[in-house]
PDB file of N, CA and C in Angstrom:
ATOM      1  N   MET A   1     144.860 134.804  63.725  1.00  0.00           N
ATOM      2  CA  MET A   1     145.464 134.053  64.766  1.00  0.00           C
ATOM      3  C   MET A   1     146.433 133.023  64.139  1.00  0.00           C
ATOM      4  N   ILE A   2     147.562 132.878  64.764  1.00  0.00           N
ATOM      5  CA  ILE A   2     148.589 131.992  64.222  1.00  0.00           C
ATOM      6  C   ILE A   2     148.320 130.535  64.621  1.00  0.00           C
ATOM      7  N   ASP A   3     148.447 129.635  63.673  1.00  0.00           N
ATOM      8  CA  ASP A   3     148.257 128.253  63.940  1.00  0.00           C
ATOM      9  C   ASP A   3     149.612 127.734  64.584  1.00  0.00           C
ATOM     10  N   PHE A   4     149.570 127.402  65.864  1.00  0.00           N
ATOM     11  CA  PHE A   4     150.773 127.015  66.591  1.00  0.00           C
ATOM     12  C   PHE A   4     151.389 125.768  66.029  1.00  0.00           C
ATOM     13  N   GLN A   5     150.577 124.752  65.631  1.00  0.00           N
ATOM     14  CA  GLN A   5     151.118 123.522  65.110  1.00  0.00           C
ATOM     15  C   GLN A   5     151.866 123.805  63.772  1.00  0.00           C
ATOM     16  N   THR A   6     151.337 124.620  62.953  1.00  0.00           N
ATOM     17  CA  THR A   6     152.001 124.921  61.699  1.00  0.00           C
ATOM     18  C   THR A   6     153.305 125.732  62.004  1.00  0.00           C
ATOM     19  N   LEU A   7     153.227 126.618  62.944  1.00  0.00           N
ATOM     20  CA  LEU A   7     154.445 127.432  63.296  1.00  0.00           C
ATOM     21  C   LEU A   7     155.568 126.454  63.689  1.00  0.00           C
ATOM     22  N   ILE A   8     155.256 125.539  64.617  1.00  0.00           N
ATOM     23  CA  ILE A   8     156.362 124.715  65.057  1.00  0.00           C
ATOM     24  C   ILE A   8     156.803 123.705  63.976  1.00  0.00           C
ATOM     25  N   LYS A   9     155.845 123.409  63.088  1.00  0.00           N
ATOM     26  CA  LYS A   9     156.285 122.554  61.865  1.00  0.00           C
ATOM     27  C   LYS A   9     157.331 123.267  61.053  1.00  0.00           C
ATOM     28  N   LEU A  10     157.116 124.588  60.824  1.00  0.00           N
ATOM     29  CA  LEU A  10     158.121 125.330  60.053  1.00  0.00           C
ATOM     30  C   LEU A  10     159.245 125.893  60.817  1.00  0.00           C
ATOM     31  N   TYR A  11     159.057 126.070  62.144  1.00  0.00           N
ATOM     32  CA  TYR A  11     160.124 126.613  62.968  1.00  0.00           C
ATOM     33  C   TYR A  11     160.182 125.798  64.221  1.00  0.00           C
ATOM     34  N   PRO A  12     160.847 124.672  64.122  1.00  0.00           N
ATOM     35  CA  PRO A  12     160.845 123.699  65.262  1.00  0.00           C
ATOM     36  C   PRO A  12     161.500 124.174  66.495  1.00  0.00           C
ATOM     37  N   GLN A  13     162.274 125.284  66.360  1.00  0.00           N
ATOM     38  CA  GLN A  13     162.867 125.850  67.650  1.00  0.00           C
ATOM     39  C   GLN A  13     161.924 126.605  68.467  1.00  0.00           C
ATOM     40  N   VAL A  14     160.747 126.914  67.924  1.00  0.00           N
ATOM     41  CA  VAL A  14     159.718 127.604  68.731  1.00  0.00           C
ATOM     42  C   VAL A  14     159.076 126.649  69.733  1.00  0.00           C
ATOM     43  N   VAL A  15     159.034 127.136  71.040  1.00  0.00           N
ATOM     44  CA  VAL A  15     158.359 126.298  72.051  1.00  0.00           C
ATOM     45  C   VAL A  15     157.138 127.002  72.692  1.00  0.00           C
ATOM     46  N   THR A  16     157.150 128.292  72.597  1.00  0.00           N
ATOM     47  CA  THR A  16     155.990 129.060  73.101  1.00  0.00           C
ATOM     48  C   THR A  16     155.630 130.190  72.162  1.00  0.00           C
ATOM     49  N   LEU A  17     154.375 130.581  72.293  1.00  0.00           N
ATOM     50  CA  LEU A  17     153.877 131.735  71.535  1.00  0.00           C
ATOM     51  C   LEU A  17     153.069 132.611  72.456  1.00  0.00           C
ATOM     52  N   THR A  18     153.457 133.867  72.578  1.00  0.00           N
ATOM     53  CA  THR A  18     152.713 134.804  73.402  1.00  0.00           C
ATOM     54  C   THR A  18     152.202 135.902  72.457  1.00  0.00           C
ATOM     55  N   GLY A  19     150.854 135.874  72.297  1.00  0.00           N
ATOM     56  CA  GLY A  19     150.331 136.809  71.274  1.00  0.00           C
ATOM     57  C   GLY A  19     150.847 136.315  69.904  1.00  0.00           C
ATOM     58  N   ASP A  20     151.570 137.226  69.240  1.00  0.00           N
ATOM     59  CA  ASP A  20     152.073 136.785  67.987  1.00  0.00           C
ATOM     60  C   ASP A  20     153.640 136.787  68.009  1.00  0.00           C
ATOM     61  N   ILE A  21     154.191 136.670  69.219  1.00  0.00           N
ATOM     62  CA  ILE A  21     155.660 136.644  69.405  1.00  0.00           C
ATOM     63  C   ILE A  21     156.012 135.242  69.773  1.00  0.00           C
ATOM     64  N   ALA A  22     156.950 134.651  69.018  1.00  0.00           N
ATOM     65  CA  ALA A  22     157.365 133.290  69.229  1.00  0.00           C
ATOM     66  C   ALA A  22     158.736 133.316  70.030  1.00  0.00           C
ATOM     67  N   PHE A  23     158.854 132.243  70.847  1.00  0.00           N
ATOM     68  CA  PHE A  23     160.085 132.106  71.672  1.00  0.00           C
ATOM     69  C   PHE A  23     160.618 130.745  71.623  1.00  0.00           C
ATOM     70  N   ASP A  24     161.981 130.641  71.668  1.00  0.00           N
ATOM     71  CA  ASP A  24     162.634 129.354  71.791  1.00  0.00           C
ATOM     72  C   ASP A  24     162.726 128.914  73.242  1.00  0.00           C
ATOM     73  N   ALA A  25     163.424 127.776  73.457  1.00  0.00           N
ATOM     74  CA  ALA A  25     163.508 127.168  74.828  1.00  0.00           C
ATOM     75  C   ALA A  25     164.316 128.070  75.765  1.00  0.00           C
ATOM     76  N   ASP A  26     165.119 128.928  75.213  1.00  0.00           N
ATOM     77  CA  ASP A  26     165.874 129.820  76.089  1.00  0.00           C
ATOM     78  C   ASP A  26     165.212 131.106  76.299  1.00  0.00           C
ATOM     79  N   GLY A  27     164.076 131.329  75.806  1.00  0.00           N
ATOM     80  CA  GLY A  27     163.314 132.568  75.970  1.00  0.00           C
ATOM     81  C   GLY A  27     163.605 133.640  74.951  1.00  0.00           C
ATOM     82  N   ASN A  28     164.398 133.301  74.005  1.00  0.00           N
ATOM     83  CA  ASN A  28     164.769 134.264  72.867  1.00  0.00           C
ATOM     84  C   ASN A  28     163.641 134.319  71.849  1.00  0.00           C
ATOM     85  N   GLU A  29     163.419 135.517  71.396  1.00  0.00           N
ATOM     86  CA  GLU A  29     162.345 135.728  70.354  1.00  0.00           C
ATOM     87  C   GLU A  29     162.802 135.106  69.098  1.00  0.00           C
ATOM     88  N   VAL A  30     161.923 134.368  68.418  1.00  0.00           N
ATOM     89  CA  VAL A  30     162.167 133.765  67.127  1.00  0.00           C
ATOM     90  C   VAL A  30     161.405 134.473  66.070  1.00  0.00           C
ATOM     91  N   ALA A  31     162.146 135.003  65.090  1.00  0.00           N
ATOM     92  CA  ALA A  31     161.481 135.670  63.957  1.00  0.00           C
ATOM     93  C   ALA A  31     160.923 134.606  63.048  1.00  0.00           C
ATOM     94  N   TYR A  32     159.762 134.835  62.485  1.00  0.00           N
ATOM     95  CA  TYR A  32     159.136 133.981  61.544  1.00  0.00           C
ATOM     96  C   TYR A  32     158.364 134.713  60.494  1.00  0.00           C
ATOM     97  N   ASP A  33     158.111 134.037  59.412  1.00  0.00           N
ATOM     98  CA  ASP A  33     157.365 134.645  58.317  1.00  0.00           C
ATOM     99  C   ASP A  33     155.920 134.331  58.401  1.00  0.00           C
ATOM    100  N   LEU A  34     155.122 135.224  58.852  1.00  0.00           N
ATOM    101  CA  LEU A  34     153.671 134.994  59.097  1.00  0.00           C
ATOM    102  C   LEU A  34     152.971 134.528  57.768  1.00  0.00           C
ATOM    103  N   GLN A  35     153.348 135.132  56.686  1.00  0.00           N
ATOM    104  CA  GLN A  35     152.748 134.735  55.397  1.00  0.00           C
ATOM    105  C   GLN A  35     153.056 133.246  55.041  1.00  0.00           C
ATOM    106  N   ALA A  36     154.246 132.769  55.359  1.00  0.00           N
ATOM    107  CA  ALA A  36     154.575 131.424  55.109  1.00  0.00           C
ATOM    108  C   ALA A  36     153.839 130.476  56.042  1.00  0.00           C
ATOM    109  N   VAL A  37     153.712 130.871  57.289  1.00  0.00           N
ATOM    110  CA  VAL A  37     152.927 130.070  58.235  1.00  0.00           C
ATOM    111  C   VAL A  37     151.481 129.988  57.846  1.00  0.00           C
ATOM    112  N   THR A  38     150.900 131.080  57.431  1.00  0.00           N
ATOM    113  CA  THR A  38     149.499 131.124  57.001  1.00  0.00           C
ATOM    114  C   THR A  38     149.292 130.245  55.777  1.00  0.00           C
ATOM    115  N   ALA A  39     150.187 130.382  54.792  1.00  0.00           N
ATOM    116  CA  ALA A  39     150.092 129.611  53.632  1.00  0.00           C
ATOM    117  C   ALA A  39     150.188 128.108  53.862  1.00  0.00           C
ATOM    118  N   GLN A  40     151.124 127.723  54.781  1.00  0.00           N
ATOM    119  CA  GLN A  40     151.282 126.333  55.079  1.00  0.00           C
ATOM    120  C   GLN A  40     150.037 125.817  55.871  1.00  0.00           C
ATOM    121  N   ALA A  41     149.478 126.555  56.680  1.00  0.00           N
ATOM    122  CA  ALA A  41     148.246 126.186  57.428  1.00  0.00           C
ATOM    123  C   ALA A  41     147.084 126.000  56.442  1.00  0.00           C
ATOM    124  N   GLU A  42     146.942 126.840  55.538  1.00  0.00           N
ATOM    125  CA  GLU A  42     145.917 126.725  54.469  1.00  0.00           C
ATOM    126  C   GLU A  42     146.194 125.483  53.635  1.00  0.00           C
ATOM    127  N   ALA A  43     147.409 125.217  53.254  1.00  0.00           N
ATOM    128  CA  ALA A  43     147.747 124.078  52.436  1.00  0.00           C
ATOM    129  C   ALA A  43     147.470 122.773  53.236  1.00  0.00           C
ATOM    130  N   ASP A  44     147.778 122.783  54.557  1.00  0.00           N
ATOM    131  CA  ASP A  44     147.562 121.557  55.404  1.00  0.00           C
ATOM    132  C   ASP A  44     146.049 121.347  55.461  1.00  0.00           C
ATOM    133  N   ALA A  45     145.255 122.408  55.662  1.00  0.00           N
ATOM    134  CA  ALA A  45     143.783 122.265  55.744  1.00  0.00           C
ATOM    135  C   ALA A  45     143.215 121.671  54.447  1.00  0.00           C
ATOM    136  N   GLN A  46     143.685 122.194  53.325  1.00  0.00           N
ATOM    137  CA  GLN A  46     143.219 121.729  52.004  1.00  0.00           C
ATOM    138  C   GLN A  46     143.577 120.278  51.801  1.00  0.00           C
ATOM    139  N   SER A  47     144.809 119.928  52.220  1.00  0.00           N
ATOM    140  CA  SER A  47     145.264 118.540  52.120  1.00  0.00           C
ATOM    141  C   SER A  47     144.389 117.581  52.888  1.00  0.00           C
ATOM    142  N   ALA A  48     143.951 117.990  54.095  1.00  0.00           N
ATOM    143  CA  ALA A  48     143.059 117.205  54.951  1.00  0.00           C
ATOM    144  C   ALA A  48     141.715 116.982  54.181  1.00  0.00           C
ATOM    145  N   ILE A  49     141.256 118.029  53.599  1.00  0.00           N
ATOM    146  CA  ILE A  49     139.962 117.970  52.830  1.00  0.00           C
ATOM    147  C   ILE A  49     140.138 117.014  51.603  1.00  0.00           C
ATOM    148  N   ASP A  50     141.228 117.186  50.929  1.00  0.00           N
ATOM    149  CA  ASP A  50     141.460 116.309  49.761  1.00  0.00           C
ATOM    150  C   ASP A  50     141.650 114.872  50.151  1.00  0.00           C
ATOM    151  N   ILE A  51     142.359 114.555  51.224  1.00  0.00           N
ATOM    152  CA  ILE A  51     142.539 113.196  51.696  1.00  0.00           C
ATOM    153  C   ILE A  51     141.150 112.548  52.062  1.00  0.00           C
ATOM    154  N   LYS A  52     140.353 113.317  52.733  1.00  0.00           N
ATOM    155  CA  LYS A  52     139.009 112.790  53.134  1.00  0.00           C
ATOM    156  C   LYS A  52     138.187 112.512  51.934  1.00  0.00           C
ATOM    157  N   ALA A  53     138.206 113.454  50.930  1.00  0.00           N
ATOM    158  CA  ALA A  53     137.417 113.247  49.734  1.00  0.00           C
ATOM    159  C   ALA A  53     137.910 112.002  48.904  1.00  0.00           C
ATOM    160  N   SER A  54     139.225 111.872  48.896  1.00  0.00           N
ATOM    161  CA  SER A  54     139.769 110.661  48.220  1.00  0.00           C
ATOM    162  C   SER A  54     139.324 109.400  48.910  1.00  0.00           C
ATOM    163  N   ALA A  55     139.391 109.354  50.218  1.00  0.00           N
ATOM    164  CA  ALA A  55     138.988 108.204  50.940  1.00  0.00           C
ATOM    165  C   ALA A  55     137.491 107.879  50.711  1.00  0.00           C
ATOM    166  N   LEU A  56     136.643 108.957  50.739  1.00  0.00           N
ATOM    167  CA  LEU A  56     135.242 108.749  50.505  1.00  0.00           C
ATOM    168  C   LEU A  56     134.947 108.229  49.108  1.00  0.00           C
ATOM    169  N   ALA A  57     135.673 108.725  48.141  1.00  0.00           N
ATOM    170  CA  ALA A  57     135.513 108.300  46.757  1.00  0.00           C
ATOM    171  C   ALA A  57     135.899 106.846  46.613  1.00  0.00           C
ATOM    172  N   LYS A  58     136.920 106.412  47.270  1.00  0.00           N
ATOM    173  CA  LYS A  58     137.435 105.048  47.206  1.00  0.00           C
ATOM    174  C   LYS A  58     136.399 104.116  47.879  1.00  0.00           C
ATOM    175  N   LEU A  59     135.822 104.528  48.971  1.00  0.00           N
ATOM    176  CA  LEU A  59     134.756 103.713  49.619  1.00  0.00           C
ATOM    177  C   LEU A  59     133.520 103.625  48.713  1.00  0.00           C
ATOM    178  N   ALA A  60     133.158 104.708  48.116  1.00  0.00           N
ATOM    179  CA  ALA A  60     132.034 104.713  47.185  1.00  0.00           C
ATOM    180  C   ALA A  60     132.291 103.812  45.925  1.00  0.00           C
ATOM    181  N   ALA A  61     133.543 103.769  45.508  1.00  0.00           N
ATOM    182  CA  ALA A  61     133.954 102.915  44.384  1.00  0.00           C
ATOM    183  C   ALA A  61     133.867 101.456  44.782  1.00  0.00           C
ATOM    184  N   LEU A  62     133.949 101.205  46.007  1.00  0.00           N
ATOM    185  CA  LEU A  62     133.784  99.795  46.512  1.00  0.00           C
ATOM    186  C   LEU A  62     132.274  99.373  46.571  1.00  0.00           C
ATOM    187  N   GLY A  63     131.420 100.358  46.379  1.00  0.00           N
ATOM    188  CA  GLY A  63     129.965 100.047  46.375  1.00  0.00           C
ATOM    189  C   GLY A  63     129.242 100.478  47.610  1.00  0.00           C
ATOM    190  N   LEU A  64     129.958 101.188  48.538  1.00  0.00           N
ATOM    191  CA  LEU A  64     129.262 101.645  49.680  1.00  0.00           C
ATOM    192  C   LEU A  64     128.362 102.815  49.440  1.00  0.00           C
ATOM    193  N   THR A  65     127.185 102.902  50.007  1.00  0.00           N
ATOM    194  CA  THR A  65     126.359 104.069  49.844  1.00  0.00           C
ATOM    195  C   THR A  65     126.860 105.189  50.733  1.00  0.00           C
ATOM    196  N   GLN A  66     126.357 106.395  50.535  1.00  0.00           N
ATOM    197  CA  GLN A  66     126.798 107.502  51.385  1.00  0.00           C
ATOM    198  C   GLN A  66     126.451 107.289  52.803  1.00  0.00           C
ATOM    199  N   ASP A  67     125.257 106.687  53.039  1.00  0.00           N
ATOM    200  CA  ASP A  67     124.886 106.412  54.390  1.00  0.00           C
ATOM    201  C   ASP A  67     125.767 105.377  55.069  1.00  0.00           C
ATOM    202  N   GLU A  68     126.176 104.399  54.273  1.00  0.00           N
ATOM    203  CA  GLU A  68     127.150 103.389  54.900  1.00  0.00           C
ATOM    204  C   GLU A  68     128.497 104.058  55.166  1.00  0.00           C
ATOM    205  N   VAL A  69     128.954 104.976  54.288  1.00  0.00           N
ATOM    206  CA  VAL A  69     130.216 105.630  54.513  1.00  0.00           C
ATOM    207  C   VAL A  69     130.124 106.529  55.769  1.00  0.00           C
ATOM    208  N   LYS A  70     128.990 107.263  55.876  1.00  0.00           N
ATOM    209  CA  LYS A  70     128.785 108.071  57.056  1.00  0.00           C
ATOM    210  C   LYS A  70     128.779 107.321  58.315  1.00  0.00           C
ATOM    211  N   ALA A  71     128.188 106.096  58.243  1.00  0.00           N
ATOM    212  CA  ALA A  71     128.138 105.247  59.457  1.00  0.00           C
ATOM    213  C   ALA A  71     129.594 104.829  59.858  1.00  0.00           C
ATOM    214  N   LEU A  72     130.457 104.680  58.862  1.00  0.00           N
ATOM    215  CA  LEU A  72     131.865 104.267  59.126  1.00  0.00           C
ATOM    216  C   LEU A  72     132.632 105.380  59.687  1.00  0.00           C
ATOM    217  N   VAL A  73     132.531 106.607  59.117  1.00  0.00           N
ATOM    218  CA  VAL A  73     133.393 107.719  59.426  1.00  0.00           C
ATOM    219  C   VAL A  73     132.746 108.833  60.276  1.00  0.00           C
ATOM    220  N   GLY A  74     131.459 108.740  60.385  1.00  0.00           N
ATOM    221  CA  GLY A  74     130.775 109.699  61.229  1.00  0.00           C
ATOM    222  C   GLY A  74     130.405 110.978  60.509  1.00  0.00           C
TER     223      GLY A  74
END
């Protein structure tokens, strides 16, 4: 399945997605590179994981326990 948010990040002219066919505001089909969209979605997901790990490490460096960190961020 195509990540729509990533698709419009890479192809801002896309406004709708029907199945795996993307369309612009005028209803014209927009060609896109599925491999690039998938790679960007994976990179974005990894970035979110890395950012969270960095934030947790910084909180731990301040002396918070894992339970205290979990209480803050859920």
